[in-house]
Amino acid sequence: MKAGANALARSRKPVQELPDVTLSEDGEVRFLHLGTEWIQGSMIIADPFAIELDYVQRMMAWLLFVEPDSVSKRKAMQLGLGSAALTKFHFKKLRMHTTAVEINPQVLAACQGWFKLPPDGPRLRVLLADAGQEIRQAQHTGTIDALQVDLYDHEAAAPVLDSPDFYADCRSVLTDDGTMTVNLFGRDASYERSVQSICAAFGEDAVWAFKPTREGNTIVLAQRTADRPTRMQLLARAEEIQSRWELPAVKWLRIFKPIQ
């Protein structure tokens, strides 16, 4: 099966038009689908709070730009719940205040029933809402340190929210040293258009990108405030990330660089 992107059906669709959630398992891994073969998320059954897919791990590259000791004091938000891999990791492993936004109640129910998503509490909220509308709510402005955006429909052809205005709204919720990571997947033309939209909102000097995974997922990172750490600084940070949280951050540095 091919690794696609986490799903979030576009706003303003009535609930009955949202795609149905289906599950599959392959040995030790459980997968989430939205009525197609595309994998919208996964979970290692024996280790439910780990991140299994490479592209989802790369969404954690924001850790390269903050002090590790500050992480648990920060706030994270995911636009698109998928199998809740990122939400669970931020909440359980990083001990962060975490908010996820998901429009499809079936996705939320699947995550609670089959993917070990903990219930809402003082540090965790899952909002059933349109991401494009929720991101504009005043209470979020300037409060988020790590924003992950993974907004695809069941066909996984192109992001459903992908305009310069949308990315400007994403930038507005970030703290001064906050970072957005975005999963881009699909046709080359779609990728280039997405990067242009991100650059229009953040500025080209604030945008970094990974090389694509074998499945075609390309993670793009954008900083609220552009910063270019030295390679030695990044390496030291990557080694610390790898030691603390078992993410392959040292390997990231071979495939991650500024776009200009």
Protein backbone atom coordinates (compact mmCIF):
# COMPACT_ATOMS: atom_id res chain seq x y z
CA MET A 1 0.00 0.00 0.00
CA LYS A 2 1.14 3.52 -0.66
CA ALA A 3 1.60 6.07 2.13
CA GLY A 4 -0.64 8.99 1.45
CA ALA A 5 -1.49 11.94 3.60
CA ASN A 6 -3.61 12.36 6.63
CA ALA A 7 -7.20 13.24 5.71
CA LEU A 8 -9.32 16.25 6.37
CA ALA A 9 -12.36 16.71 4.14
CA ARG A 10 -12.97 20.25 2.98
CA SER A 11 -15.08 22.63 5.02
CA ARG A 12 -18.75 23.29 4.52
CA LYS A 13 -19.49 19.78 3.32
CA PRO A 14 -22.34 18.20 5.23
CA VAL A 15 -21.23 15.36 7.46
CA GLN A 16 -22.91 12.73 5.28
CA GLU A 17 -20.61 13.66 2.37
CA LEU A 18 -17.43 13.01 4.33
CA PRO A 19 -15.66 9.78 3.36
CA ASP A 20 -16.13 6.65 5.44
CA VAL A 21 -13.26 5.43 7.58
CA THR A 22 -11.87 1.93 7.05
CA LEU A 23 -9.07 0.04 8.78
CA SER A 24 -6.54 -2.58 7.74
CA GLU A 25 -3.66 -4.40 9.40
CA ASP A 26 -0.38 -5.75 8.04
CA GLY A 27 1.37 -7.81 10.64
CA GLU A 28 2.24 -5.46 13.50
CA VAL A 29 0.89 -2.23 11.98
CA ARG A 30 -2.68 -0.90 11.81
CA PHE A 31 -3.64 1.53 9.02
CA LEU A 32 -6.36 4.13 8.63
CA HIS A 33 -8.04 4.68 5.24
CA LEU A 34 -10.80 6.91 3.95
CA GLY A 35 -12.51 4.53 1.58
CA THR A 36 -9.49 4.14 -0.73
CA GLU A 37 -6.14 2.32 -0.73
CA TRP A 38 -4.35 5.50 0.39
CA ILE A 39 -2.91 5.22 3.88
CA GLN A 40 -4.06 8.19 5.92
CA GLY A 41 -2.19 7.13 9.04
CA SER A 42 -0.75 4.15 10.88
CA MET A 43 0.09 2.78 14.31
CA ILE A 44 2.50 0.11 15.56
CA ILE A 45 0.07 -1.97 17.58
CA ALA A 46 2.64 -2.89 20.24
CA ASP A 47 3.97 0.70 20.49
CA PRO A 48 0.95 2.97 19.89
CA PHE A 49 2.63 6.26 20.82
CA ALA A 50 5.57 5.89 18.42
CA ILE A 51 5.50 7.43 14.93
CA GLU A 52 5.69 4.67 12.32
CA LEU A 53 5.79 6.42 8.91
CA ASP A 54 8.91 8.28 7.72
CA TYR A 55 7.03 11.31 6.43
CA VAL A 56 5.16 11.69 9.72
CA GLN A 57 8.46 11.53 11.62
CA ARG A 58 9.76 14.34 9.40
CA MET A 59 6.83 16.50 10.49
CA MET A 60 8.71 16.67 13.79
CA ALA A 61 11.62 18.61 12.23
CA TRP A 62 10.46 21.71 14.09
CA LEU A 63 12.38 20.26 17.06
CA LEU A 64 15.61 21.21 15.28
CA PHE A 65 14.85 24.89 15.88
CA VAL A 66 14.12 24.96 19.63
CA GLU A 67 15.99 24.08 22.80
CA PRO A 68 15.06 20.53 23.84
CA ASP A 69 14.57 21.56 27.47
CA SER A 70 11.89 24.04 26.40
CA VAL A 71 9.73 21.56 24.49
CA SER A 72 7.38 20.49 27.28
CA LYS A 73 6.54 24.14 27.98
CA ARG A 74 5.37 24.72 24.41
CA LYS A 75 2.07 24.25 22.57
CA ALA A 76 1.37 22.15 19.48
CA MET A 77 -1.52 22.05 17.01
CA GLN A 78 -2.34 19.59 14.25
CA LEU A 79 -4.66 20.45 11.37
CA GLY A 80 -5.90 17.02 10.32
CA LEU A 81 -5.96 14.18 12.85
CA GLY A 82 -5.25 11.18 10.62
CA SER A 83 -4.45 8.25 12.90
CA ALA A 84 -3.48 10.72 15.67
CA ALA A 85 0.23 9.79 15.45
CA LEU A 86 1.40 13.39 15.76
CA THR A 87 -1.21 14.30 18.34
CA LYS A 88 -0.30 11.35 20.55
CA PHE A 89 3.44 11.96 20.18
CA HIS A 90 3.22 15.61 21.18
CA PHE A 91 0.92 14.85 24.09
CA LYS A 92 2.46 11.65 25.42
CA LYS A 93 6.13 11.71 24.43
CA LEU A 94 6.85 15.45 24.42
CA ARG A 95 4.43 16.29 27.26
CA MET A 96 3.12 19.33 25.39
CA HIS A 97 -0.22 21.09 25.44
CA THR A 98 -1.73 19.73 22.23
CA THR A 99 -4.76 20.67 20.11
CA ALA A 100 -5.90 18.81 17.00
CA VAL A 101 -8.52 19.96 14.50
CA GLU A 102 -10.49 17.37 12.53
CA ILE A 103 -13.68 17.78 10.52
CA ASN A 104 -14.69 14.13 10.18
CA PRO A 105 -16.26 12.63 13.32
CA GLN A 106 -15.61 9.12 11.98
CA VAL A 107 -11.87 9.83 12.03
CA LEU A 108 -12.04 10.96 15.64
CA ALA A 109 -14.09 7.91 16.62
CA ALA A 110 -11.60 5.59 14.88
CA CYS A 111 -8.67 7.22 16.65
CA GLN A 112 -10.36 6.86 20.03
CA GLY A 113 -11.45 3.28 19.40
CA TRP A 114 -8.59 1.78 17.38
CA PHE A 115 -5.54 4.08 17.58
CA LYS A 116 -5.21 4.68 21.34
CA LEU A 117 -6.00 8.41 21.26
CA PRO A 118 -6.34 9.49 24.90
CA PRO A 119 -9.46 11.39 25.99
CA ASP A 120 -9.49 15.17 26.12
CA GLY A 121 -8.03 16.67 29.26
CA PRO A 122 -6.10 19.70 30.57
CA ARG A 123 -3.26 19.20 28.02
CA LEU A 124 -5.18 17.63 25.12
CA ARG A 125 -8.11 18.83 22.98
CA VAL A 126 -9.50 17.52 19.72
CA LEU A 127 -11.83 19.97 18.00
CA LEU A 128 -14.38 18.77 15.44
CA ALA A 129 -14.13 21.80 13.19
CA ASP A 130 -13.12 23.15 9.80
CA ALA A 131 -9.37 23.80 9.97
CA GLY A 132 -9.60 26.84 7.70
CA GLN A 133 -12.12 28.46 10.01
CA GLU A 134 -10.64 27.31 13.31
CA ILE A 135 -7.18 28.64 12.49
CA ARG A 136 -8.66 32.14 12.28
CA GLN A 137 -10.11 32.09 15.79
CA ALA A 138 -8.62 34.88 17.88
CA GLN A 139 -7.75 32.64 20.83
CA HIS A 140 -5.14 30.84 18.73
CA THR A 141 -3.28 33.93 17.49
CA GLY A 142 0.38 33.90 18.51
CA THR A 143 0.01 30.87 20.80
CA ILE A 144 1.29 27.85 18.84
CA ASP A 145 4.94 26.79 18.78
CA ALA A 146 4.57 23.73 16.54
CA LEU A 147 1.88 23.60 13.85
CA GLN A 148 1.53 20.49 11.68
CA VAL A 149 -0.65 20.76 8.56
CA ASP A 150 -1.79 17.58 6.79
CA LEU A 151 -4.99 18.37 4.93
CA TYR A 152 -5.89 15.94 2.17
CA ASP A 153 -9.13 14.44 0.99
CA HIS A 154 -9.63 10.73 0.38
CA GLU A 155 -8.11 10.95 -3.12
CA ALA A 156 -4.82 12.45 -1.81
CA ALA A 157 -4.30 14.46 -4.99
CA ALA A 158 -3.54 17.90 -3.51
CA PRO A 159 -4.06 19.74 -0.20
CA VAL A 160 -7.63 20.93 0.31
CA LEU A 161 -6.43 24.13 2.02
CA ASP A 162 -3.42 25.49 0.18
CA SER A 163 -3.73 29.21 -0.59
CA PRO A 164 -1.39 32.06 0.43
CA ASP A 165 -4.22 33.36 2.63
CA PHE A 166 -4.52 30.02 4.41
CA TYR A 167 -0.78 29.87 5.07
CA ALA A 168 -0.87 33.48 6.28
CA ASP A 169 -3.53 32.37 8.77
CA CYS A 170 -1.20 29.53 9.81
CA ARG A 171 1.65 31.98 10.31
CA SER A 172 -0.57 34.18 12.46
CA VAL A 173 -1.11 31.46 15.08
CA LEU A 174 2.63 30.87 15.58
CA THR A 175 4.75 32.31 18.36
CA ASP A 176 7.79 34.35 17.33
CA ASP A 177 9.97 31.21 17.21
CA GLY A 178 7.13 28.96 16.13
CA THR A 179 7.31 26.64 13.12
CA MET A 180 4.85 25.10 10.69
CA THR A 181 5.46 21.75 8.98
CA VAL A 182 3.30 20.73 6.03
CA ASN A 183 2.87 17.39 4.27
CA LEU A 184 2.75 17.91 0.51
CA PHE A 185 1.88 15.01 -1.72
CA GLY A 186 0.68 14.62 -5.28
CA ARG A 187 1.51 16.01 -8.67
CA ASP A 188 4.66 18.09 -9.20
CA ALA A 189 2.59 21.09 -10.25
CA SER A 190 0.65 20.86 -7.02
CA TYR A 191 3.88 20.78 -4.98
CA GLU A 192 5.37 23.82 -6.68
CA ARG A 193 2.14 25.76 -6.26
CA SER A 194 2.02 24.85 -2.58
CA VAL A 195 5.61 25.98 -1.99
CA GLN A 196 4.91 29.27 -3.74
CA SER A 197 1.91 29.82 -1.49
CA ILE A 198 3.94 29.06 1.63
CA CYS A 199 6.72 31.40 0.52
CA ALA A 200 4.19 34.15 -0.16
CA ALA A 201 3.01 33.90 3.45
CA PHE A 202 6.30 33.23 5.27
CA GLY A 203 9.03 34.57 2.95
CA GLU A 204 11.46 32.39 1.00
CA ASP A 205 14.22 32.79 3.61
CA ALA A 206 12.00 31.09 6.23
CA VAL A 207 11.18 27.95 4.22
CA TRP A 208 13.00 24.59 4.34
CA ALA A 209 12.18 21.29 2.64
CA PHE A 210 13.00 17.59 2.81
CA LYS A 211 13.63 15.44 -0.22
CA PRO A 212 10.53 13.39 -1.08
CA THR A 213 10.00 9.99 0.49
CA ARG A 214 9.80 6.98 -1.81
CA GLU A 215 6.02 7.31 -1.68
CA GLY A 216 6.14 10.95 -2.77
CA ASN A 217 5.51 12.77 0.50
CA THR A 218 7.54 15.98 0.80
CA ILE A 219 7.63 17.77 4.15
CA VAL A 220 8.08 21.54 4.02
CA LEU A 221 8.92 23.59 7.10
CA ALA A 222 8.31 27.32 7.51
CA GLN A 223 9.50 29.50 10.39
CA ARG A 224 7.53 32.41 11.82
CA THR A 225 10.87 34.20 12.13
CA ALA A 226 13.56 33.14 9.67
CA ASP A 227 16.61 31.60 11.32
CA ARG A 228 19.57 29.76 9.80
CA PRO A 229 21.39 27.69 12.44
CA THR A 230 24.85 26.44 11.48
CA ARG A 231 25.26 22.82 10.48
CA MET A 232 27.08 22.12 13.74
CA GLN A 233 24.20 23.63 15.71
CA LEU A 234 21.71 21.51 13.79
CA LEU A 235 23.81 18.38 14.28
CA ALA A 236 24.02 18.92 18.03
CA ARG A 237 20.28 19.48 18.20
CA ALA A 238 19.60 16.41 16.02
CA GLU A 239 21.72 14.18 18.24
CA GLU A 240 19.80 15.40 21.28
CA ILE A 241 16.44 14.78 19.58
CA GLN A 242 17.51 11.28 18.60
CA SER A 243 18.70 10.49 22.11
CA ARG A 244 15.63 11.85 23.90
CA TRP A 245 12.79 10.88 21.60
CA GLU A 246 14.15 8.18 19.26
CA LEU A 247 13.46 10.13 16.10
CA PRO A 248 15.99 9.74 13.22
CA ALA A 249 16.95 13.39 13.33
CA VAL A 250 20.62 12.96 12.39
CA LYS A 251 19.54 11.31 9.13
CA TRP A 252 17.19 14.25 8.48
CA LEU A 253 20.15 16.59 8.03
CA ARG A 254 21.23 14.76 4.86
CA ILE A 255 17.87 15.36 3.18
CA PHE A 256 16.70 18.68 4.68
CA LYS A 257 17.81 22.16 3.65
CA PRO A 258 16.57 25.72 2.98
CA ILE A 259 14.81 26.11 -0.36
CA GLN A 260 17.17 28.93 -1.29
